[in-house]
Amino acid sequence: MYVTLTDATNPGNTSKTLSLSKDSTAGGVGLQILKDDEVLGYGPESAAIGNTNQWLGGSVAQGAAGMTIPLRARYVQTSPRITSGTANAIANFTMSYQ
């Protein structure tokens, strides 16, 4: 099963930093999502084979009730000046069985 993460605030974002949501009041920071210590990139909401920044989430065994994809998040500085406040972000995911 392949997965693409899409930045809900900026769907055209193909970087490795998730944009803060519009209700955030902080500045100069973004969010990164990691899988196995690898920073994941973002791409368009599409299940197409070879979609930008699509990655292998794992295999689902026949008859299995589900699977787990362990992810972590961290804040990163995106500009020289950081301002305090709320820093929220939203990513959508598209799963593709290829």
PDB file of N, CA and C in Angstrom:
ATOM      1  N   MET A   1       0.829  -1.149   0.000  1.00  0.00           N
ATOM      2  CA  MET A   1       0.000   0.000   0.000  1.00  0.00           C
ATOM      3  C   MET A   1       0.894   1.238   0.000  1.00  0.00           C
ATOM      4  N   TYR A   2       0.612   2.153  -0.910  1.00  0.00           N
ATOM      5  CA  TYR A   2       1.372   3.396  -1.018  1.00  0.00           C
ATOM      6  C   TYR A   2       0.566   4.545  -0.418  1.00  0.00           C
ATOM      7  N   VAL A   3       1.278   5.548   0.085  1.00  0.00           N
ATOM      8  CA  VAL A   3       0.635   6.673   0.765  1.00  0.00           C
ATOM      9  C   VAL A   3       1.189   7.984   0.215  1.00  0.00           C
ATOM     10  N   THR A   4       0.307   8.949   0.034  1.00  0.00           N
ATOM     11  CA  THR A   4       0.707  10.322  -0.268  1.00  0.00           C
ATOM     12  C   THR A   4       0.103  11.226   0.791  1.00  0.00           C
ATOM     13  N   LEU A   5       0.924  12.061   1.406  1.00  0.00           N
ATOM     14  CA  LEU A   5       0.441  13.084   2.331  1.00  0.00           C
ATOM     15  C   LEU A   5       0.246  14.373   1.545  1.00  0.00           C
ATOM     16  N   THR A   6      -0.860  15.063   1.804  1.00  0.00           N
ATOM     17  CA  THR A   6      -1.152  16.334   1.149  1.00  0.00           C
ATOM     18  C   THR A   6      -1.328  17.411   2.205  1.00  0.00           C
ATOM     19  N   ASP A   7      -0.702  18.544   1.982  1.00  0.00           N
ATOM     20  CA  ASP A   7      -0.818  19.701   2.869  1.00  0.00           C
ATOM     21  C   ASP A   7      -2.214  20.297   2.677  1.00  0.00           C
ATOM     22  N   ALA A   8      -3.074  20.218   3.697  1.00  0.00           N
ATOM     23  CA  ALA A   8      -4.453  20.705   3.582  1.00  0.00           C
ATOM     24  C   ALA A   8      -4.522  22.225   3.467  1.00  0.00           C
ATOM     25  N   THR A   9      -3.553  22.934   4.019  1.00  0.00           N
ATOM     26  CA  THR A   9      -3.541  24.398   3.953  1.00  0.00           C
ATOM     27  C   THR A   9      -3.024  24.884   2.607  1.00  0.00           C
ATOM     28  N   ASN A  10      -2.029  24.175   2.060  1.00  0.00           N
ATOM     29  CA  ASN A  10      -1.416  24.544   0.786  1.00  0.00           C
ATOM     30  C   ASN A  10      -1.268  23.277  -0.055  1.00  0.00           C
ATOM     31  N   PRO A  11      -2.346  22.843  -0.752  1.00  0.00           N
ATOM     32  CA  PRO A  11      -2.310  21.573  -1.485  1.00  0.00           C
ATOM     33  C   PRO A  11      -1.225  21.482  -2.553  1.00  0.00           C
ATOM     34  N   GLY A  12      -0.678  22.599  -3.016  1.00  0.00           N
ATOM     35  CA  GLY A  12       0.397  22.590  -4.009  1.00  0.00           C
ATOM     36  C   GLY A  12       1.775  22.399  -3.407  1.00  0.00           C
ATOM     37  N   ASN A  13       1.860  22.297  -2.100  1.00  0.00           N
ATOM     38  CA  ASN A  13       3.134  22.138  -1.398  1.00  0.00           C
ATOM     39  C   ASN A  13       3.724  20.761  -1.693  1.00  0.00           C
ATOM     40  N   THR A  14       4.942  20.725  -2.239  1.00  0.00           N
ATOM     41  CA  THR A  14       5.640  19.451  -2.460  1.00  0.00           C
ATOM     42  C   THR A  14       6.953  19.409  -1.680  1.00  0.00           C
ATOM     43  N   SER A  15       7.069  20.270  -0.688  1.00  0.00           N
ATOM     44  CA  SER A  15       8.280  20.296   0.141  1.00  0.00           C
ATOM     45  C   SER A  15       8.187  19.233   1.233  1.00  0.00           C
ATOM     46  N   LYS A  16       9.096  19.283   2.180  1.00  0.00           N
ATOM     47  CA  LYS A  16       9.088  18.366   3.319  1.00  0.00           C
ATOM     48  C   LYS A  16       8.651  19.074   4.600  1.00  0.00           C
ATOM     49  N   THR A  17       8.068  20.274   4.453  1.00  0.00           N
ATOM     50  CA  THR A  17       7.586  21.017   5.614  1.00  0.00           C
ATOM     51  C   THR A  17       6.113  21.349   5.422  1.00  0.00           C
ATOM     52  N   LEU A  18       5.293  20.927   6.363  1.00  0.00           N
ATOM     53  CA  LEU A  18       3.853  21.148   6.336  1.00  0.00           C
ATOM     54  C   LEU A  18       3.548  22.575   6.780  1.00  0.00           C
ATOM     55  N   SER A  19       2.702  23.260   6.032  1.00  0.00           N
ATOM     56  CA  SER A  19       2.323  24.637   6.356  1.00  0.00           C
ATOM     57  C   SER A  19       1.450  24.678   7.605  1.00  0.00           C
ATOM     58  N   LEU A  20       1.561  25.760   8.350  1.00  0.00           N
ATOM     59  CA  LEU A  20       0.672  25.952   9.495  1.00  0.00           C
ATOM     60  C   LEU A  20      -0.736  26.254   8.987  1.00  0.00           C
ATOM     61  N   SER A  21      -1.738  25.802   9.734  1.00  0.00           N
ATOM     62  CA  SER A  21      -3.122  26.075   9.363  1.00  0.00           C
ATOM     63  C   SER A  21      -3.423  27.557   9.548  1.00  0.00           C
ATOM     64  N   LYS A  22      -4.452  28.025   8.857  1.00  0.00           N
ATOM     65  CA  LYS A  22      -4.772  29.454   8.852  1.00  0.00           C
ATOM     66  C   LYS A  22      -5.133  29.993  10.230  1.00  0.00           C
ATOM     67  N   ASP A  23      -5.591  29.129  11.152  1.00  0.00           N
ATOM     68  CA  ASP A  23      -5.940  29.585  12.499  1.00  0.00           C
ATOM     69  C   ASP A  23      -4.722  29.672  13.425  1.00  0.00           C
ATOM     70  N   SER A  24      -3.555  29.285  12.944  1.00  0.00           N
ATOM     71  CA  SER A  24      -2.335  29.359  13.759  1.00  0.00           C
ATOM     72  C   SER A  24      -1.921  30.813  13.947  1.00  0.00           C
ATOM     73  N   THR A  25      -1.377  31.112  15.119  1.00  0.00           N
ATOM     74  CA  THR A  25      -0.925  32.479  15.399  1.00  0.00           C
ATOM     75  C   THR A  25       0.597  32.579  15.495  1.00  0.00           C
ATOM     76  N   ALA A  26       1.290  31.456  15.525  1.00  0.00           N
ATOM     77  CA  ALA A  26       2.756  31.453  15.558  1.00  0.00           C
ATOM     78  C   ALA A  26       3.290  31.772  14.165  1.00  0.00           C
ATOM     79  N   GLY A  27       4.545  32.132  14.099  1.00  0.00           N
ATOM     80  CA  GLY A  27       5.178  32.404  12.818  1.00  0.00           C
ATOM     81  C   GLY A  27       6.600  31.883  12.799  1.00  0.00           C
ATOM     82  N   GLY A  28       7.092  31.614  11.597  1.00  0.00           N
ATOM     83  CA  GLY A  28       8.473  31.172  11.452  1.00  0.00           C
ATOM     84  C   GLY A  28       8.707  29.712  11.755  1.00  0.00           C
ATOM     85  N   VAL A  29       7.629  28.925  11.852  1.00  0.00           N
ATOM     86  CA  VAL A  29       7.765  27.491  12.106  1.00  0.00           C
ATOM     87  C   VAL A  29       6.860  26.715  11.153  1.00  0.00           C
ATOM     88  N   GLY A  30       7.193  25.462  10.965  1.00  0.00           N
ATOM     89  CA  GLY A  30       6.387  24.530  10.197  1.00  0.00           C
ATOM     90  C   GLY A  30       6.458  23.190  10.890  1.00  0.00           C
ATOM     91  N   LEU A  31       5.868  22.207  10.287  1.00  0.00           N
ATOM     92  CA  LEU A  31       5.827  20.877  10.883  1.00  0.00           C
ATOM     93  C   LEU A  31       6.384  19.865   9.888  1.00  0.00           C
ATOM     94  N   GLN A  32       7.152  18.918  10.384  1.00  0.00           N
ATOM     95  CA  GLN A  32       7.625  17.812   9.553  1.00  0.00           C
ATOM     96  C   GLN A  32       7.053  16.518  10.110  1.00  0.00           C
ATOM     97  N   ILE A  33       6.715  15.597   9.205  1.00  0.00           N
ATOM     98  CA  ILE A  33       6.255  14.262   9.595  1.00  0.00           C
ATOM     99  C   ILE A  33       7.328  13.276   9.172  1.00  0.00           C
ATOM    100  N   LEU A  34       7.677  12.376  10.097  1.00  0.00           N
ATOM    101  CA  LEU A  34       8.743  11.408   9.852  1.00  0.00           C
ATOM    102  C   LEU A  34       8.223   9.983   9.953  1.00  0.00           C
ATOM    103  N   LYS A  35       8.772   9.121   9.102  1.00  0.00           N
ATOM    104  CA  LYS A  35       8.540   7.677   9.159  1.00  0.00           C
ATOM    105  C   LYS A  35       9.920   7.036   9.193  1.00  0.00           C
ATOM    106  N   ASP A  36      10.187   6.274  10.228  1.00  0.00           N
ATOM    107  CA  ASP A  36      11.500   5.620  10.367  1.00  0.00           C
ATOM    108  C   ASP A  36      12.644   6.633  10.238  1.00  0.00           C
ATOM    109  N   ASP A  37      12.528   7.771  10.883  1.00  0.00           N
ATOM    110  CA  ASP A  37      13.534   8.839  10.883  1.00  0.00           C
ATOM    111  C   ASP A  37      13.740   9.506   9.525  1.00  0.00           C
ATOM    112  N   GLU A  38      12.884   9.226   8.556  1.00  0.00           N
ATOM    113  CA  GLU A  38      12.953   9.891   7.252  1.00  0.00           C
ATOM    114  C   GLU A  38      11.854  10.947   7.187  1.00  0.00           C
ATOM    115  N   VAL A  39      12.239  12.183   6.854  1.00  0.00           N
ATOM    116  CA  VAL A  39      11.258  13.262   6.711  1.00  0.00           C
ATOM    117  C   VAL A  39      10.482  13.035   5.415  1.00  0.00           C
ATOM    118  N   LEU A  40       9.158  13.012   5.519  1.00  0.00           N
ATOM    119  CA  LEU A  40       8.308  12.758   4.361  1.00  0.00           C
ATOM    120  C   LEU A  40       7.956  14.058   3.648  1.00  0.00           C
ATOM    121  N   GLY A  41       7.813  13.969   2.332  1.00  0.00           N
ATOM    122  CA  GLY A  41       7.394  15.113   1.534  1.00  0.00           C
ATOM    123  C   GLY A  41       5.898  15.059   1.278  1.00  0.00           C
ATOM    124  N   TYR A  42       5.370  16.131   0.707  1.00  0.00           N
ATOM    125  CA  TYR A  42       3.939  16.253   0.433  1.00  0.00           C
ATOM    126  C   TYR A  42       3.707  16.265  -1.060  1.00  0.00           C
ATOM    127  N   GLY A  43       2.517  15.841  -1.466  1.00  0.00           N
ATOM    128  CA  GLY A  43       2.190  15.793  -2.881  1.00  0.00           C
ATOM    129  C   GLY A  43       0.711  15.998  -3.099  1.00  0.00           C
ATOM    130  N   PRO A  44       0.296  15.984  -4.365  1.00  0.00           N
ATOM    131  CA  PRO A  44      -1.115  16.177  -4.669  1.00  0.00           C
ATOM    132  C   PRO A  44      -1.960  15.013  -4.165  1.00  0.00           C
ATOM    133  N   GLU A  45      -3.224  15.296  -3.915  1.00  0.00           N
ATOM    134  CA  GLU A  45      -4.159  14.266  -3.454  1.00  0.00           C
ATOM    135  C   GLU A  45      -4.500  13.382  -4.646  1.00  0.00           C
ATOM    136  N   SER A  46      -3.761  12.276  -4.794  1.00  0.00           N
ATOM    137  CA  SER A  46      -3.939  11.394  -5.938  1.00  0.00           C
ATOM    138  C   SER A  46      -3.451   9.995  -5.583  1.00  0.00           C
ATOM    139  N   ALA A  47      -4.150   8.988  -6.102  1.00  0.00           N
ATOM    140  CA  ALA A  47      -3.747   7.596  -5.902  1.00  0.00           C
ATOM    141  C   ALA A  47      -2.947   7.068  -7.095  1.00  0.00           C
ATOM    142  N   ALA A  48      -2.599   7.940  -8.040  1.00  0.00           N
ATOM    143  CA  ALA A  48      -1.884   7.525  -9.246  1.00  0.00           C
ATOM    144  C   ALA A  48      -0.513   6.947  -8.901  1.00  0.00           C
ATOM    145  N   ILE A  49      -0.114   5.934  -9.648  1.00  0.00           N
ATOM    146  CA  ILE A  49       1.208   5.338  -9.471  1.00  0.00           C
ATOM    147  C   ILE A  49       2.264   6.403  -9.753  1.00  0.00           C
ATOM    148  N   GLY A  50       3.246   6.521  -8.869  1.00  0.00           N
ATOM    149  CA  GLY A  50       4.327   7.478  -9.048  1.00  0.00           C
ATOM    150  C   GLY A  50       3.962   8.909  -8.674  1.00  0.00           C
ATOM    151  N   ASN A  51       2.866   9.093  -7.937  1.00  0.00           N
ATOM    152  CA  ASN A  51       2.480  10.435  -7.494  1.00  0.00           C
ATOM    153  C   ASN A  51       3.644  11.088  -6.752  1.00  0.00           C
ATOM    154  N   THR A  52       3.779  12.393  -6.878  1.00  0.00           N
ATOM    155  CA  THR A  52       4.857  13.138  -6.225  1.00  0.00           C
ATOM    156  C   THR A  52       4.901  12.835  -4.734  1.00  0.00           C
ATOM    157  N   ASN A  53       6.080  12.471  -4.240  1.00  0.00           N
ATOM    158  CA  ASN A  53       6.344  12.180  -2.821  1.00  0.00           C
ATOM    159  C   ASN A  53       5.505  11.035  -2.258  1.00  0.00           C
ATOM    160  N   GLN A  54       5.085  10.125  -3.113  1.00  0.00           N
ATOM    161  CA  GLN A  54       4.379   8.918  -2.671  1.00  0.00           C
ATOM    162  C   GLN A  54       5.395   7.957  -2.059  1.00  0.00           C
ATOM    163  N   TRP A  55       5.011   7.253  -0.990  1.00  0.00           N
ATOM    164  CA  TRP A  55       5.935   6.345  -0.318  1.00  0.00           C
ATOM    165  C   TRP A  55       5.215   5.057   0.062  1.00  0.00           C
ATOM    166  N   LEU A  56       6.011   4.012   0.233  1.00  0.00           N
ATOM    167  CA  LEU A  56       5.469   2.702   0.585  1.00  0.00           C
ATOM    168  C   LEU A  56       5.128   2.677   2.064  1.00  0.00           C
ATOM    169  N   GLY A  57       3.843   2.505   2.360  1.00  0.00           N
ATOM    170  CA  GLY A  57       3.393   2.448   3.749  1.00  0.00           C
ATOM    171  C   GLY A  57       3.560   1.067   4.353  1.00  0.00           C
ATOM    172  N   GLY A  58       3.539   0.043   3.513  1.00  0.00           N
ATOM    173  CA  GLY A  58       3.687  -1.324   3.990  1.00  0.00           C
ATOM    174  C   GLY A  58       2.776  -2.248   3.211  1.00  0.00           C
ATOM    175  N   SER A  59       2.747  -3.484   3.637  1.00  0.00           N
ATOM    176  CA  SER A  59       1.905  -4.491   3.008  1.00  0.00           C
ATOM    177  C   SER A  59       0.835  -4.935   3.985  1.00  0.00           C
ATOM    178  N   VAL A  60      -0.353  -5.147   3.456  1.00  0.00           N
ATOM    179  CA  VAL A  60      -1.453  -5.641   4.274  1.00  0.00           C
ATOM    180  C   VAL A  60      -1.588  -7.131   3.989  1.00  0.00           C
ATOM    181  N   ALA A  61      -1.424  -7.929   5.024  1.00  0.00           N
ATOM    182  CA  ALA A  61      -1.535  -9.377   4.861  1.00  0.00           C
ATOM    183  C   ALA A  61      -2.984  -9.751   4.559  1.00  0.00           C
ATOM    184  N   GLN A  62      -3.160 -10.728   3.681  1.00  0.00           N
ATOM    185  CA  GLN A  62      -4.505 -11.178   3.336  1.00  0.00           C
ATOM    186  C   GLN A  62      -5.241 -11.615   4.599  1.00  0.00           C
ATOM    187  N   GLY A  63      -6.443 -11.126   4.774  1.00  0.00           N
ATOM    188  CA  GLY A  63      -7.251 -11.468   5.942  1.00  0.00           C
ATOM    189  C   GLY A  63      -6.958 -10.627   7.171  1.00  0.00           C
ATOM    190  N   ALA A  64      -5.975  -9.737   7.085  1.00  0.00           N
ATOM    191  CA  ALA A  64      -5.632  -8.893   8.239  1.00  0.00           C
ATOM    192  C   ALA A  64      -6.712  -7.836   8.454  1.00  0.00           C
ATOM    193  N   ALA A  65      -6.935  -7.499   9.709  1.00  0.00           N
ATOM    194  CA  ALA A  65      -7.946  -6.494  10.051  1.00  0.00           C
ATOM    195  C   ALA A  65      -7.415  -5.076   9.878  1.00  0.00           C
ATOM    196  N   GLY A  66      -6.117  -4.915   9.748  1.00  0.00           N
ATOM    197  CA  GLY A  66      -5.545  -3.580   9.602  1.00  0.00           C
ATOM    198  C   GLY A  66      -4.038  -3.630   9.659  1.00  0.00           C
ATOM    199  N   MET A  67      -3.451  -2.463   9.657  1.00  0.00           N
ATOM    200  CA  MET A  67      -2.004  -2.350   9.766  1.00  0.00           C
ATOM    201  C   MET A  67      -1.671  -1.032  10.450  1.00  0.00           C
ATOM    202  N   THR A  68      -0.462  -0.921  10.944  1.00  0.00           N
ATOM    203  CA  THR A  68      -0.017   0.280  11.636  1.00  0.00           C
ATOM    204  C   THR A  68       1.124   0.914  10.854  1.00  0.00           C
ATOM    205  N   ILE A  69       1.065   2.230  10.697  1.00  0.00           N
ATOM    206  CA  ILE A  69       2.157   2.984  10.084  1.00  0.00           C
ATOM    207  C   ILE A  69       2.631   3.981  11.136  1.00  0.00           C
ATOM    208  N   PRO A  70       3.751   3.701  11.804  1.00  0.00           N
ATOM    209  CA  PRO A  70       4.223   4.620  12.850  1.00  0.00           C
ATOM    210  C   PRO A  70       4.826   5.896  12.249  1.00  0.00           C
ATOM    211  N   LEU A  71       4.266   7.026  12.643  1.00  0.00           N
ATOM    212  CA  LEU A  71       4.741   8.334  12.197  1.00  0.00           C
ATOM    213  C   LEU A  71       5.012   9.205  13.412  1.00  0.00           C
ATOM    214  N   ARG A  72       5.931  10.170  13.265  1.00  0.00           N
ATOM    215  CA  ARG A  72       6.183  11.167  14.318  1.00  0.00           C
ATOM    216  C   ARG A  72       6.149  12.541  13.672  1.00  0.00           C
ATOM    217  N   ALA A  73       5.953  13.539  14.502  1.00  0.00           N
ATOM    218  CA  ALA A  73       5.941  14.915  14.009  1.00  0.00           C
ATOM    219  C   ALA A  73       6.896  15.754  14.834  1.00  0.00           C
ATOM    220  N   ARG A  74       7.445  16.790  14.181  1.00  0.00           N
ATOM    221  CA  ARG A  74       8.302  17.730  14.904  1.00  0.00           C
ATOM    222  C   ARG A  74       8.149  19.114  14.272  1.00  0.00           C
ATOM    223  N   TYR A  75       8.325  20.121  15.113  1.00  0.00           N
ATOM    224  CA  TYR A  75       8.314  21.498  14.626  1.00  0.00           C
ATOM    225  C   TYR A  75       9.706  21.856  14.122  1.00  0.00           C
ATOM    226  N   VAL A  76       9.768  22.649  13.052  1.00  0.00           N
ATOM    227  CA  VAL A  76      11.041  23.114  12.502  1.00  0.00           C
ATOM    228  C   VAL A  76      10.955  24.612  12.224  1.00  0.00           C
ATOM    229  N   GLN A  77      12.088  25.276  12.342  1.00  0.00           N
ATOM    230  CA  GLN A  77      12.161  26.707  12.063  1.00  0.00           C
ATOM    231  C   GLN A  77      12.172  26.919  10.551  1.00  0.00           C
ATOM    232  N   THR A  78      11.332  27.839  10.065  1.00  0.00           N
ATOM    233  CA  THR A  78      11.235  28.093   8.625  1.00  0.00           C
ATOM    234  C   THR A  78      11.671  29.498   8.222  1.00  0.00           C
ATOM    235  N   SER A  79      11.922  30.357   9.196  1.00  0.00           N
ATOM    236  CA  SER A  79      12.421  31.706   8.902  1.00  0.00           C
ATOM    237  C   SER A  79      13.300  32.159  10.064  1.00  0.00           C
ATOM    238  N   PRO A  80      14.113  33.188   9.851  1.00  0.00           N
ATOM    239  CA  PRO A  80      15.042  33.619  10.904  1.00  0.00           C
ATOM    240  C   PRO A  80      14.350  34.053  12.198  1.00  0.00           C
ATOM    241  N   ARG A  81      13.135  34.560  12.085  1.00  0.00           N
ATOM    242  CA  ARG A  81      12.434  35.065  13.267  1.00  0.00           C
ATOM    243  C   ARG A  81      11.227  34.177  13.574  1.00  0.00           C
ATOM    244  N   ILE A  82      11.135  33.712  14.819  1.00  0.00           N
ATOM    245  CA  ILE A  82       9.996  32.910  15.269  1.00  0.00           C
ATOM    246  C   ILE A  82       9.144  33.767  16.194  1.00  0.00           C
ATOM    247  N   THR A  83       7.823  33.712  15.987  1.00  0.00           N
ATOM    248  CA  THR A  83       6.910  34.406  16.892  1.00  0.00           C
ATOM    249  C   THR A  83       6.056  33.377  17.618  1.00  0.00           C
ATOM    250  N   SER A  84       5.777  33.651  18.874  1.00  0.00           N
ATOM    251  CA  SER A  84       5.030  32.698  19.697  1.00  0.00           C
ATOM    252  C   SER A  84       3.559  32.657  19.289  1.00  0.00           C
ATOM    253  N   GLY A  85       2.904  31.586  19.670  1.00  0.00           N
ATOM    254  CA  GLY A  85       1.481  31.421  19.396  1.00  0.00           C
ATOM    255  C   GLY A  85       1.165  29.975  19.098  1.00  0.00           C
ATOM    256  N   THR A  86      -0.044  29.730  18.648  1.00  0.00           N
ATOM    257  CA  THR A  86      -0.441  28.363  18.305  1.00  0.00           C
ATOM    258  C   THR A  86       0.181  27.979  16.966  1.00  0.00           C
ATOM    259  N   ALA A  87       0.564  26.728  16.844  1.00  0.00           N
ATOM    260  CA  ALA A  87       1.186  26.235  15.613  1.00  0.00           C
ATOM    261  C   ALA A  87       0.565  24.884  15.273  1.00  0.00           C
ATOM    262  N   ASN A  88      -0.493  24.930  14.481  1.00  0.00           N
ATOM    263  CA  ASN A  88      -1.211  23.720  14.091  1.00  0.00           C
ATOM    264  C   ASN A  88      -1.075  23.496  12.594  1.00  0.00           C
ATOM    265  N   ALA A  89      -1.165  22.244  12.175  1.00  0.00           N
ATOM    266  CA  ALA A  89      -1.069  21.911  10.758  1.00  0.00           C
ATOM    267  C   ALA A  89      -1.971  20.716  10.478  1.00  0.00           C
ATOM    268  N   ILE A  90      -2.415  20.606   9.229  1.00  0.00           N
ATOM    269  CA  ILE A  90      -3.302  19.510   8.837  1.00  0.00           C
ATOM    270  C   ILE A  90      -2.758  18.867   7.566  1.00  0.00           C
ATOM    271  N   ALA A  91      -2.610  17.545   7.602  1.00  0.00           N
ATOM    272  CA  ALA A  91      -2.225  16.785   6.414  1.00  0.00           C
ATOM    273  C   ALA A  91      -3.303  15.742   6.148  1.00  0.00           C
ATOM    274  N   ASN A  92      -3.673  15.597   4.897  1.00  0.00           N
ATOM    275  CA  ASN A  92      -4.576  14.524   4.481  1.00  0.00           C
ATOM    276  C   ASN A  92      -3.721  13.417   3.885  1.00  0.00           C
ATOM    277  N   PHE A  93      -4.200  12.189   3.952  1.00  0.00           N
ATOM    278  CA  PHE A  93      -3.446  11.109   3.329  1.00  0.00           C
ATOM    279  C   PHE A  93      -4.323  10.352   2.351  1.00  0.00           C
ATOM    280  N   THR A  94      -3.696   9.929   1.252  1.00  0.00           N
ATOM    281  CA  THR A  94      -4.353   9.114   0.240  1.00  0.00           C
ATOM    282  C   THR A  94      -3.615   7.792   0.176  1.00  0.00           C
ATOM    283  N   MET A  95      -4.356   6.699   0.316  1.00  0.00           N
ATOM    284  CA  MET A  95      -3.758   5.359   0.231  1.00  0.00           C
ATOM    285  C   MET A  95      -4.071   4.760  -1.130  1.00  0.00           C
ATOM    286  N   SER A  96      -3.089   4.085  -1.686  1.00  0.00           N
ATOM    287  CA  SER A  96      -3.215   3.508  -3.012  1.00  0.00           C
ATOM    288  C   SER A  96      -2.721   2.067  -2.982  1.00  0.00           C
ATOM    289  N   TYR A  97      -3.573   1.159  -3.380  1.00  0.00           N
ATOM    290  CA  TYR A  97      -3.199  -0.261  -3.437  1.00  0.00           C
ATOM    291  C   TYR A  97      -2.777  -0.559  -4.861  1.00  0.00           C
ATOM    292  N   GLN A  98      -1.462  -0.679  -5.081  1.00  0.00           N
ATOM    293  CA  GLN A  98      -0.923  -0.861  -6.434  1.00  0.00           C
ATOM    294  C   GLN A  98      -0.382  -2.257  -6.620  1.00  0.00           C
TER     295      GLN A  98
END
